[in-house]
Amino acid sequence: MLQPRKGKINFDLADQFVKFGEENKMLIVGYLLVWHSQTARWFFDDEVGNDVSKEVFIERMKTHNHTVISCN
């Protein structure tokens, strides 16, 4: 999970997978940026545990995707 808490992004595990692939001359393929069972609850819930609005969800998706895609 890249972002277990809002704003706390950790690329360490993903970087290890990419490094292993590069060292072994493997093709590295990106996949889904958000998958329901692999995404922290905060992404879908508000501060009291209710579903966030469509607008909030879309903004969280945009922010998350931009952060992941633009990481070097």
C-alpha atoms as a PDB file:
ATOM      1  CA  MET A   1       0.000   0.000   0.000  1.00  0.00           C
ATOM      2  CA  LEU A   2       1.621   3.223  -1.155  1.00  0.00           C
ATOM      3  CA  GLN A   3      -0.424   5.563   1.031  1.00  0.00           C
ATOM      4  CA  PRO A   4      -1.607   3.883   4.236  1.00  0.00           C
ATOM      5  CA  ARG A   5      -2.443   7.293   5.758  1.00  0.00           C
ATOM      6  CA  LYS A   6      -3.528  10.434   3.963  1.00  0.00           C
ATOM      7  CA  GLY A   7      -0.441  12.315   2.811  1.00  0.00           C
ATOM      8  CA  LYS A   8       1.961   9.608   4.038  1.00  0.00           C
ATOM      9  CA  ILE A   9       3.273   8.047   0.847  1.00  0.00           C
ATOM     10  CA  ASN A  10       5.885   5.314   1.003  1.00  0.00           C
ATOM     11  CA  PHE A  11       7.435   4.045  -2.229  1.00  0.00           C
ATOM     12  CA  ASP A  12       9.968   1.746  -0.505  1.00  0.00           C
ATOM     13  CA  LEU A  13       8.283  -1.574  -1.340  1.00  0.00           C
ATOM     14  CA  ALA A  14       7.454  -0.514  -4.904  1.00  0.00           C
ATOM     15  CA  ASP A  15      11.049   0.666  -5.364  1.00  0.00           C
ATOM     16  CA  GLN A  16      12.326  -2.732  -4.180  1.00  0.00           C
ATOM     17  CA  PHE A  17      10.173  -4.530  -6.772  1.00  0.00           C
ATOM     18  CA  VAL A  18      11.379  -2.240  -9.559  1.00  0.00           C
ATOM     19  CA  LYS A  19      15.005  -2.585  -8.478  1.00  0.00           C
ATOM     20  CA  PHE A  20      14.706  -6.378  -8.458  1.00  0.00           C
ATOM     21  CA  GLY A  21      13.175  -6.324 -11.934  1.00  0.00           C
ATOM     22  CA  GLU A  22      15.834  -4.013 -13.318  1.00  0.00           C
ATOM     23  CA  GLU A  23      18.659  -6.049 -11.790  1.00  0.00           C
ATOM     24  CA  ASN A  24      17.214  -9.184 -13.386  1.00  0.00           C
ATOM     25  CA  LYS A  25      16.518  -7.548 -16.755  1.00  0.00           C
ATOM     26  CA  MET A  26      12.773  -8.023 -16.342  1.00  0.00           C
ATOM     27  CA  LEU A  27      10.091  -5.963 -18.051  1.00  0.00           C
ATOM     28  CA  ILE A  28       8.527  -3.593 -15.515  1.00  0.00           C
ATOM     29  CA  VAL A  29       4.828  -2.971 -16.125  1.00  0.00           C
ATOM     30  CA  GLY A  30       2.686  -0.576 -14.112  1.00  0.00           C
ATOM     31  CA  TYR A  31      -0.836  -1.584 -13.229  1.00  0.00           C
ATOM     32  CA  LEU A  32      -3.837  -0.168 -11.403  1.00  0.00           C
ATOM     33  CA  LEU A  33      -3.174   2.931  -9.335  1.00  0.00           C
ATOM     34  CA  VAL A  34      -6.223   2.424  -7.118  1.00  0.00           C
ATOM     35  CA  TRP A  35      -7.776  -0.957  -6.334  1.00  0.00           C
ATOM     36  CA  HIS A  36     -10.504  -1.229  -3.704  1.00  0.00           C
ATOM     37  CA  SER A  37      -8.963  -4.023  -1.629  1.00  0.00           C
ATOM     38  CA  GLN A  38      -5.450  -2.552  -1.803  1.00  0.00           C
ATOM     39  CA  THR A  39      -6.409   1.012  -0.902  1.00  0.00           C
ATOM     40  CA  ALA A  40      -6.610   2.343   2.653  1.00  0.00           C
ATOM     41  CA  ARG A  41     -10.072   3.085   4.095  1.00  0.00           C
ATOM     42  CA  TRP A  42      -9.302   6.794   4.522  1.00  0.00           C
ATOM     43  CA  PHE A  43      -9.420   7.076   0.725  1.00  0.00           C
ATOM     44  CA  PHE A  44     -13.134   6.161   0.684  1.00  0.00           C
ATOM     45  CA  ASP A  45     -14.280   7.415   4.114  1.00  0.00           C
ATOM     46  CA  ASP A  46     -14.627  10.828   5.718  1.00  0.00           C
ATOM     47  CA  GLU A  47     -13.324  11.614   9.209  1.00  0.00           C
ATOM     48  CA  VAL A  48     -16.348   9.959  10.879  1.00  0.00           C
ATOM     49  CA  GLY A  49     -16.396   6.840   8.690  1.00  0.00           C
ATOM     50  CA  ASN A  50     -19.071   7.768   6.153  1.00  0.00           C
ATOM     51  CA  ASP A  51     -18.524   7.451   2.416  1.00  0.00           C
ATOM     52  CA  VAL A  52     -16.961  10.575   0.939  1.00  0.00           C
ATOM     53  CA  SER A  53     -18.817  12.477  -1.761  1.00  0.00           C
ATOM     54  CA  LYS A  54     -18.186  11.780  -5.421  1.00  0.00           C
ATOM     55  CA  GLU A  55     -16.327  15.101  -5.685  1.00  0.00           C
ATOM     56  CA  VAL A  56     -14.017  14.328  -2.755  1.00  0.00           C
ATOM     57  CA  PHE A  57     -13.357  10.841  -4.090  1.00  0.00           C
ATOM     58  CA  ILE A  58     -12.466  12.159  -7.552  1.00  0.00           C
ATOM     59  CA  GLU A  59     -10.126  14.767  -6.040  1.00  0.00           C
ATOM     60  CA  ARG A  60      -8.406  12.092  -3.938  1.00  0.00           C
ATOM     61  CA  MET A  61      -8.004   9.914  -7.043  1.00  0.00           C
ATOM     62  CA  LYS A  62      -6.519  12.810  -9.024  1.00  0.00           C
ATOM     63  CA  THR A  63      -4.086  13.723  -6.247  1.00  0.00           C
ATOM     64  CA  HIS A  64      -3.036  10.117  -5.646  1.00  0.00           C
ATOM     65  CA  ASN A  65      -2.626   9.305  -9.336  1.00  0.00           C
ATOM     66  CA  HIS A  66      -0.657  12.474 -10.050  1.00  0.00           C
ATOM     67  CA  THR A  67       1.650  11.759  -7.102  1.00  0.00           C
ATOM     68  CA  VAL A  68       2.285   8.152  -8.142  1.00  0.00           C
ATOM     69  CA  ILE A  69       2.728   8.895 -11.845  1.00  0.00           C
ATOM     70  CA  SER A  70       5.057  11.860 -11.342  1.00  0.00           C
ATOM     71  CA  CYS A  71       7.334  10.079  -8.836  1.00  0.00           C
ATOM     72  CA  ASN A  72      10.915   9.577 -10.105  1.00  0.00           C
END
